[in-house]
């Protein structure tokens, strides 16, 4: 098991205090599938995520498996699992997929609700998430376990493409607990193979641009 301890960085962007910390590791102790999964532990508070830079995505699908464990029930304000960023348009997170207690919400970075909340109770265990975004048409579609749950029209202006994404506990989730993530992929319509895939079978996060810190 390779352990990364999260030091206190990105305070301004993530609104963290210097005393908070979390960790993430690629572990085979409790895998979702195969031999390895990304384990995110926020029991000590703070943020812990991997980051992919240099993207140029405007019409794409993100898919991953997640066992959010005790995380959702411990955080009334929700757990930001996936953050999408256009660093050329605004120096902040533009959109987030946030796990709420028994629901899912897609919001903008200013935490103004830009899509509806679903009172969909998530049973314990692993779920397959798929988020399809087309910035040109302004559409957002979310499926969980193959079941469509969200389909809305969203104004992405001034963003024209996503060039950075963060996966994990991408903002302060103090005392939120632990979750497991696996089989992360980014696909582009018309291309037979994902443009990015990580099942974490390497036992590390070497496929990602950055591990925070």
C-alpha atoms as a PDB file:
ATOM      1  CA  UNK A   1       0.000   0.000   0.000  1.00  0.00           C
ATOM      2  CA  UNK A   2       1.333   3.390  -0.977  1.00  0.00           C
ATOM      3  CA  UNK A   3       0.159   6.193   1.305  1.00  0.00           C
ATOM      4  CA  UNK A   4      -0.022   9.875   0.469  1.00  0.00           C
ATOM      5  CA  UNK A   5      -0.562  12.218   3.391  1.00  0.00           C
ATOM      6  CA  UNK A   6      -2.366  15.403   2.484  1.00  0.00           C
ATOM      7  CA  UNK A   7      -0.654  18.492   3.814  1.00  0.00           C
ATOM      8  CA  UNK A   8      -2.395  21.837   4.024  1.00  0.00           C
ATOM      9  CA  UNK A   9      -2.333  23.301   0.510  1.00  0.00           C
ATOM     10  CA  UNK A  10      -4.709  25.182  -1.757  1.00  0.00           C
ATOM     11  CA  UNK A  11      -6.254  26.965   1.247  1.00  0.00           C
ATOM     12  CA  UNK A  12      -7.635  29.871  -0.719  1.00  0.00           C
ATOM     13  CA  UNK A  13      -9.217  27.692  -3.393  1.00  0.00           C
ATOM     14  CA  UNK A  14     -10.635  25.089  -1.053  1.00  0.00           C
ATOM     15  CA  UNK A  15     -11.300  27.240   2.015  1.00  0.00           C
ATOM     16  CA  UNK A  16      -9.356  24.957   4.347  1.00  0.00           C
ATOM     17  CA  UNK A  17      -7.773  25.852   7.626  1.00  0.00           C
ATOM     18  CA  UNK A  18      -4.103  24.895   8.128  1.00  0.00           C
ATOM     19  CA  UNK A  19      -4.915  22.367  10.854  1.00  0.00           C
ATOM     20  CA  UNK A  20      -7.018  20.108   8.644  1.00  0.00           C
ATOM     21  CA  UNK A  21      -5.649  17.090   6.839  1.00  0.00           C
ATOM     22  CA  UNK A  22      -6.849  13.975   5.043  1.00  0.00           C
ATOM     23  CA  UNK A  23      -5.196  11.143   3.148  1.00  0.00           C
ATOM     24  CA  UNK A  24      -5.602   8.923   0.132  1.00  0.00           C
ATOM     25  CA  UNK A  25      -3.932   5.669  -0.789  1.00  0.00           C
ATOM     26  CA  UNK A  26      -4.088   2.984  -3.450  1.00  0.00           C
ATOM     27  CA  UNK A  27      -4.830  -0.161  -1.526  1.00  0.00           C
ATOM     28  CA  UNK A  28      -5.698  -3.806  -2.014  1.00  0.00           C
ATOM     29  CA  UNK A  29      -7.056  -4.190   1.505  1.00  0.00           C
ATOM     30  CA  UNK A  30     -10.681  -3.481   0.572  1.00  0.00           C
ATOM     31  CA  UNK A  31     -10.828  -3.364  -3.235  1.00  0.00           C
ATOM     32  CA  UNK A  32     -14.008  -2.564  -5.110  1.00  0.00           C
ATOM     33  CA  UNK A  33     -12.952  -4.599  -8.115  1.00  0.00           C
ATOM     34  CA  UNK A  34      -9.741  -6.314  -9.127  1.00  0.00           C
ATOM     35  CA  UNK A  35      -6.776  -5.907  -6.844  1.00  0.00           C
ATOM     36  CA  UNK A  36      -6.637  -2.206  -6.084  1.00  0.00           C
ATOM     37  CA  UNK A  37      -8.869   0.770  -5.382  1.00  0.00           C
ATOM     38  CA  UNK A  38      -8.293   4.382  -4.412  1.00  0.00           C
ATOM     39  CA  UNK A  39      -9.084   4.801  -0.715  1.00  0.00           C
ATOM     40  CA  UNK A  40      -9.911   8.307   0.518  1.00  0.00           C
ATOM     41  CA  UNK A  41      -9.848   8.850   4.266  1.00  0.00           C
ATOM     42  CA  UNK A  42     -11.231  12.132   5.548  1.00  0.00           C
ATOM     43  CA  UNK A  43     -11.806  11.051   9.106  1.00  0.00           C
ATOM     44  CA  UNK A  44      -9.339  13.751  10.126  1.00  0.00           C
ATOM     45  CA  UNK A  45     -10.955  16.389   7.936  1.00  0.00           C
ATOM     46  CA  UNK A  46      -9.697  18.256   4.917  1.00  0.00           C
ATOM     47  CA  UNK A  47      -9.507  17.356   1.249  1.00  0.00           C
ATOM     48  CA  UNK A  48      -7.819  14.435  -0.513  1.00  0.00           C
ATOM     49  CA  UNK A  49      -7.916  14.003  -4.269  1.00  0.00           C
ATOM     50  CA  UNK A  50      -6.042  13.183  -7.450  1.00  0.00           C
ATOM     51  CA  UNK A  51      -5.987  15.736 -10.245  1.00  0.00           C
ATOM     52  CA  UNK A  52      -5.784  15.514 -14.038  1.00  0.00           C
ATOM     53  CA  UNK A  53      -4.404  18.546 -15.874  1.00  0.00           C
ATOM     54  CA  UNK A  54      -4.056  19.511 -19.516  1.00  0.00           C
ATOM     55  CA  UNK A  55      -7.453  18.275 -20.657  1.00  0.00           C
ATOM     56  CA  UNK A  56      -9.450  19.886 -23.437  1.00  0.00           C
ATOM     57  CA  UNK A  57     -12.919  18.421 -23.043  1.00  0.00           C
ATOM     58  CA  UNK A  58     -16.189  19.917 -24.237  1.00  0.00           C
ATOM     59  CA  UNK A  59     -18.257  16.785 -24.999  1.00  0.00           C
ATOM     60  CA  UNK A  60     -17.334  13.868 -22.756  1.00  0.00           C
ATOM     61  CA  UNK A  61     -18.441  11.123 -20.367  1.00  0.00           C
ATOM     62  CA  UNK A  62     -16.874  10.426 -16.979  1.00  0.00           C
ATOM     63  CA  UNK A  63     -17.518   7.023 -15.400  1.00  0.00           C
ATOM     64  CA  UNK A  64     -16.328   5.474 -12.151  1.00  0.00           C
ATOM     65  CA  UNK A  65     -17.253   3.019  -9.409  1.00  0.00           C
ATOM     66  CA  UNK A  66     -17.635   4.249  -5.847  1.00  0.00           C
ATOM     67  CA  UNK A  67     -18.441   2.906  -2.427  1.00  0.00           C
ATOM     68  CA  UNK A  68     -18.983   6.085  -0.464  1.00  0.00           C
ATOM     69  CA  UNK A  69     -19.302   4.082   2.754  1.00  0.00           C
ATOM     70  CA  UNK A  70     -19.956   6.309   5.726  1.00  0.00           C
ATOM     71  CA  UNK A  71     -19.102   9.530   3.919  1.00  0.00           C
ATOM     72  CA  UNK A  72     -22.527  10.694   2.770  1.00  0.00           C
ATOM     73  CA  UNK A  73     -24.273  10.137   6.068  1.00  0.00           C
ATOM     74  CA  UNK A  74     -21.577  12.051   7.947  1.00  0.00           C
ATOM     75  CA  UNK A  75     -21.774  15.244   5.916  1.00  0.00           C
ATOM     76  CA  UNK A  76     -25.052  17.148   5.847  1.00  0.00           C
ATOM     77  CA  UNK A  77     -23.651  19.672   3.348  1.00  0.00           C
ATOM     78  CA  UNK A  78     -22.561  16.942   0.972  1.00  0.00           C
ATOM     79  CA  UNK A  79     -19.300  15.458  -0.251  1.00  0.00           C
ATOM     80  CA  UNK A  80     -17.802  16.917  -3.451  1.00  0.00           C
ATOM     81  CA  UNK A  81     -16.709  13.736  -5.225  1.00  0.00           C
ATOM     82  CA  UNK A  82     -15.837  15.168  -8.637  1.00  0.00           C
ATOM     83  CA  UNK A  83     -14.895  18.746  -9.509  1.00  0.00           C
ATOM     84  CA  UNK A  84     -14.633  20.081 -13.053  1.00  0.00           C
ATOM     85  CA  UNK A  85     -12.538  23.165 -13.678  1.00  0.00           C
ATOM     86  CA  UNK A  86     -11.939  25.607 -16.521  1.00  0.00           C
ATOM     87  CA  UNK A  87      -8.804  27.389 -15.350  1.00  0.00           C
ATOM     88  CA  UNK A  88      -8.838  29.712 -18.367  1.00  0.00           C
ATOM     89  CA  UNK A  89     -12.266  31.154 -17.535  1.00  0.00           C
ATOM     90  CA  UNK A  90     -12.310  31.393 -13.760  1.00  0.00           C
ATOM     91  CA  UNK A  91      -9.702  30.648 -11.078  1.00  0.00           C
ATOM     92  CA  UNK A  92     -12.029  28.366  -9.137  1.00  0.00           C
ATOM     93  CA  UNK A  93     -13.980  25.132  -9.354  1.00  0.00           C
ATOM     94  CA  UNK A  94     -16.734  25.563 -11.916  1.00  0.00           C
ATOM     95  CA  UNK A  95     -18.885  22.465 -11.342  1.00  0.00           C
ATOM     96  CA  UNK A  96     -19.135  19.626  -8.849  1.00  0.00           C
ATOM     97  CA  UNK A  97     -20.838  16.293  -8.562  1.00  0.00           C
ATOM     98  CA  UNK A  98     -21.698  16.206  -4.887  1.00  0.00           C
ATOM     99  CA  UNK A  99     -22.949  13.258  -2.873  1.00  0.00           C
ATOM    100  CA  UNK A 100     -25.608  14.292  -0.371  1.00  0.00           C
ATOM    101  CA  UNK A 101     -27.208  12.083   2.279  1.00  0.00           C
ATOM    102  CA  UNK A 102     -29.450   9.831   0.149  1.00  0.00           C
ATOM    103  CA  UNK A 103     -29.236  12.077  -2.896  1.00  0.00           C
ATOM    104  CA  UNK A 104     -27.009  13.418  -5.661  1.00  0.00           C
ATOM    105  CA  UNK A 105     -26.603  17.010  -6.798  1.00  0.00           C
ATOM    106  CA  UNK A 106     -24.754  18.725  -9.630  1.00  0.00           C
ATOM    107  CA  UNK A 107     -23.814  22.280  -8.675  1.00  0.00           C
ATOM    108  CA  UNK A 108     -21.647  25.126  -9.826  1.00  0.00           C
ATOM    109  CA  UNK A 109     -18.516  26.183  -7.976  1.00  0.00           C
ATOM    110  CA  UNK A 110     -20.266  29.013  -6.189  1.00  0.00           C
ATOM    111  CA  UNK A 111     -22.652  26.428  -4.723  1.00  0.00           C
ATOM    112  CA  UNK A 112     -25.633  27.861  -6.524  1.00  0.00           C
ATOM    113  CA  UNK A 113     -27.776  24.900  -7.483  1.00  0.00           C
ATOM    114  CA  UNK A 114     -27.663  24.500 -11.245  1.00  0.00           C
ATOM    115  CA  UNK A 115     -29.357  21.120 -11.446  1.00  0.00           C
ATOM    116  CA  UNK A 116     -32.031  19.401  -9.466  1.00  0.00           C
ATOM    117  CA  UNK A 117     -31.496  17.324  -6.347  1.00  0.00           C
ATOM    118  CA  UNK A 118     -32.641  13.729  -6.494  1.00  0.00           C
ATOM    119  CA  UNK A 119     -34.099  12.060  -3.435  1.00  0.00           C
ATOM    120  CA  UNK A 120     -32.565   8.799  -4.609  1.00  0.00           C
ATOM    121  CA  UNK A 121     -31.577   6.676  -1.664  1.00  0.00           C
ATOM    122  CA  UNK A 122     -28.242   5.023  -2.287  1.00  0.00           C
ATOM    123  CA  UNK A 123     -28.021   1.570  -0.768  1.00  0.00           C
ATOM    124  CA  UNK A 124     -24.736   0.663   0.957  1.00  0.00           C
ATOM    125  CA  UNK A 125     -22.039  -0.728  -1.291  1.00  0.00           C
ATOM    126  CA  UNK A 126     -20.640  -0.102  -4.751  1.00  0.00           C
ATOM    127  CA  UNK A 127     -22.425   2.035  -7.346  1.00  0.00           C
ATOM    128  CA  UNK A 128     -21.466   2.819 -10.932  1.00  0.00           C
ATOM    129  CA  UNK A 129     -21.635   6.536 -11.752  1.00  0.00           C
ATOM    130  CA  UNK A 130     -21.696   8.020 -15.250  1.00  0.00           C
ATOM    131  CA  UNK A 131     -21.751  11.756 -15.908  1.00  0.00           C
ATOM    132  CA  UNK A 132     -22.194  12.952 -19.520  1.00  0.00           C
ATOM    133  CA  UNK A 133     -21.508  16.616 -20.258  1.00  0.00           C
ATOM    134  CA  UNK A 134     -21.860  18.514 -23.531  1.00  0.00           C
ATOM    135  CA  UNK A 135     -20.828  22.134 -23.016  1.00  0.00           C
ATOM    136  CA  UNK A 136     -21.891  23.236 -26.522  1.00  0.00           C
ATOM    137  CA  UNK A 137     -25.488  22.138 -25.991  1.00  0.00           C
ATOM    138  CA  UNK A 138     -25.409  22.879 -22.262  1.00  0.00           C
ATOM    139  CA  UNK A 139     -26.618  19.414 -21.283  1.00  0.00           C
ATOM    140  CA  UNK A 140     -25.807  17.324 -18.210  1.00  0.00           C
ATOM    141  CA  UNK A 141     -26.864  13.688 -17.797  1.00  0.00           C
ATOM    142  CA  UNK A 142     -26.168  11.542 -14.740  1.00  0.00           C
ATOM    143  CA  UNK A 143     -26.776   7.806 -14.408  1.00  0.00           C
ATOM    144  CA  UNK A 144     -26.190   5.589 -11.401  1.00  0.00           C
ATOM    145  CA  UNK A 145     -26.043   1.833 -11.933  1.00  0.00           C
ATOM    146  CA  UNK A 146     -27.241   2.397 -15.484  1.00  0.00           C
ATOM    147  CA  UNK A 147     -30.386   4.221 -14.392  1.00  0.00           C
ATOM    148  CA  UNK A 148     -30.797   7.794 -15.704  1.00  0.00           C
ATOM    149  CA  UNK A 149     -31.331  10.123 -12.739  1.00  0.00           C
ATOM    150  CA  UNK A 150     -30.508  13.580 -14.033  1.00  0.00           C
ATOM    151  CA  UNK A 151     -31.047  15.262 -17.387  1.00  0.00           C
ATOM    152  CA  UNK A 152     -30.965  19.026 -17.419  1.00  0.00           C
ATOM    153  CA  UNK A 153     -29.941  21.971 -19.554  1.00  0.00           C
ATOM    154  CA  UNK A 154     -27.217  23.985 -17.852  1.00  0.00           C
ATOM    155  CA  UNK A 155     -25.603  27.279 -18.868  1.00  0.00           C
ATOM    156  CA  UNK A 156     -21.854  26.653 -18.909  1.00  0.00           C
ATOM    157  CA  UNK A 157     -20.936  30.216 -19.924  1.00  0.00           C
ATOM    158  CA  UNK A 158     -18.174  31.428 -19.955  1.00  0.00           C
ATOM    159  CA  UNK A 159     -16.653  27.947 -20.017  1.00  0.00           C
ATOM    160  CA  UNK A 160     -16.041  26.413 -23.434  1.00  0.00           C
ATOM    161  CA  UNK A 161     -14.057  23.403 -22.240  1.00  0.00           C
ATOM    162  CA  UNK A 162     -12.928  21.632 -19.089  1.00  0.00           C
ATOM    163  CA  UNK A 163      -9.143  21.516 -18.758  1.00  0.00           C
ATOM    164  CA  UNK A 164      -8.777  20.170 -15.229  1.00  0.00           C
ATOM    165  CA  UNK A 165     -10.657  17.708 -13.070  1.00  0.00           C
ATOM    166  CA  UNK A 166     -10.304  16.551  -9.476  1.00  0.00           C
ATOM    167  CA  UNK A 167     -11.477  13.176  -8.196  1.00  0.00           C
ATOM    168  CA  UNK A 168     -11.867  12.297  -4.525  1.00  0.00           C
ATOM    169  CA  UNK A 169     -12.807  14.525  -1.613  1.00  0.00           C
ATOM    170  CA  UNK A 170     -12.199  17.701  -3.563  1.00  0.00           C
ATOM    171  CA  UNK A 171     -13.089  20.146  -0.791  1.00  0.00           C
ATOM    172  CA  UNK A 172     -13.215  20.246   2.982  1.00  0.00           C
ATOM    173  CA  UNK A 173     -15.174  17.265   4.299  1.00  0.00           C
ATOM    174  CA  UNK A 174     -14.188  17.302   7.947  1.00  0.00           C
ATOM    175  CA  UNK A 175     -14.880  14.025   9.756  1.00  0.00           C
ATOM    176  CA  UNK A 176     -16.584  12.671   6.637  1.00  0.00           C
ATOM    177  CA  UNK A 177     -15.169   9.165   6.925  1.00  0.00           C
ATOM    178  CA  UNK A 178     -13.738   6.860   4.251  1.00  0.00           C
ATOM    179  CA  UNK A 179     -14.737   5.900   0.723  1.00  0.00           C
ATOM    180  CA  UNK A 180     -13.353   3.698  -2.057  1.00  0.00           C
ATOM    181  CA  UNK A 181     -13.118   4.706  -5.722  1.00  0.00           C
ATOM    182  CA  UNK A 182     -12.230   2.609  -8.759  1.00  0.00           C
ATOM    183  CA  UNK A 183     -12.300   2.225 -12.557  1.00  0.00           C
ATOM    184  CA  UNK A 184     -12.196   5.918 -13.468  1.00  0.00           C
ATOM    185  CA  UNK A 185     -12.557   6.701 -17.176  1.00  0.00           C
ATOM    186  CA  UNK A 186     -13.030   9.653 -19.494  1.00  0.00           C
ATOM    187  CA  UNK A 187     -14.607   8.911 -22.867  1.00  0.00           C
ATOM    188  CA  UNK A 188     -15.290  11.106 -25.862  1.00  0.00           C
ATOM    189  CA  UNK A 189     -18.210  10.334 -28.199  1.00  0.00           C
ATOM    190  CA  UNK A 190     -17.030   8.790 -31.455  1.00  0.00           C
ATOM    191  CA  UNK A 191     -13.829   7.366 -29.985  1.00  0.00           C
ATOM    192  CA  UNK A 192     -13.954   3.604 -29.306  1.00  0.00           C
ATOM    193  CA  UNK A 193     -11.472   3.706 -26.420  1.00  0.00           C
ATOM    194  CA  UNK A 194     -11.460   5.964 -23.341  1.00  0.00           C
ATOM    195  CA  UNK A 195      -9.063   8.884 -23.571  1.00  0.00           C
ATOM    196  CA  UNK A 196      -8.165   8.173 -19.937  1.00  0.00           C
ATOM    197  CA  UNK A 197      -8.645   5.126 -17.732  1.00  0.00           C
ATOM    198  CA  UNK A 198      -7.252   4.145 -14.349  1.00  0.00           C
ATOM    199  CA  UNK A 199      -8.279   1.012 -12.468  1.00  0.00           C
ATOM    200  CA  UNK A 200      -5.451   1.752  -9.979  1.00  0.00           C
ATOM    201  CA  UNK A 201      -3.991  -1.692 -10.702  1.00  0.00           C
ATOM    202  CA  UNK A 202      -0.545  -0.097 -10.787  1.00  0.00           C
ATOM    203  CA  UNK A 203      -0.894   0.301  -7.023  1.00  0.00           C
ATOM    204  CA  UNK A 204      -0.256   4.036  -7.236  1.00  0.00           C
ATOM    205  CA  UNK A 205      -1.566   7.271  -8.769  1.00  0.00           C
ATOM    206  CA  UNK A 206       1.140   7.579 -11.442  1.00  0.00           C
ATOM    207  CA  UNK A 207      -1.415   8.018 -14.250  1.00  0.00           C
ATOM    208  CA  UNK A 208      -2.649  11.269 -12.737  1.00  0.00           C
ATOM    209  CA  UNK A 209      -1.088  14.679 -13.294  1.00  0.00           C
ATOM    210  CA  UNK A 210      -1.017  15.470  -9.602  1.00  0.00           C
ATOM    211  CA  UNK A 211      -1.754  14.001  -6.235  1.00  0.00           C
ATOM    212  CA  UNK A 212      -2.637  16.650  -3.680  1.00  0.00           C
ATOM    213  CA  UNK A 213      -0.264  17.554  -2.268  1.00  0.00           C
END
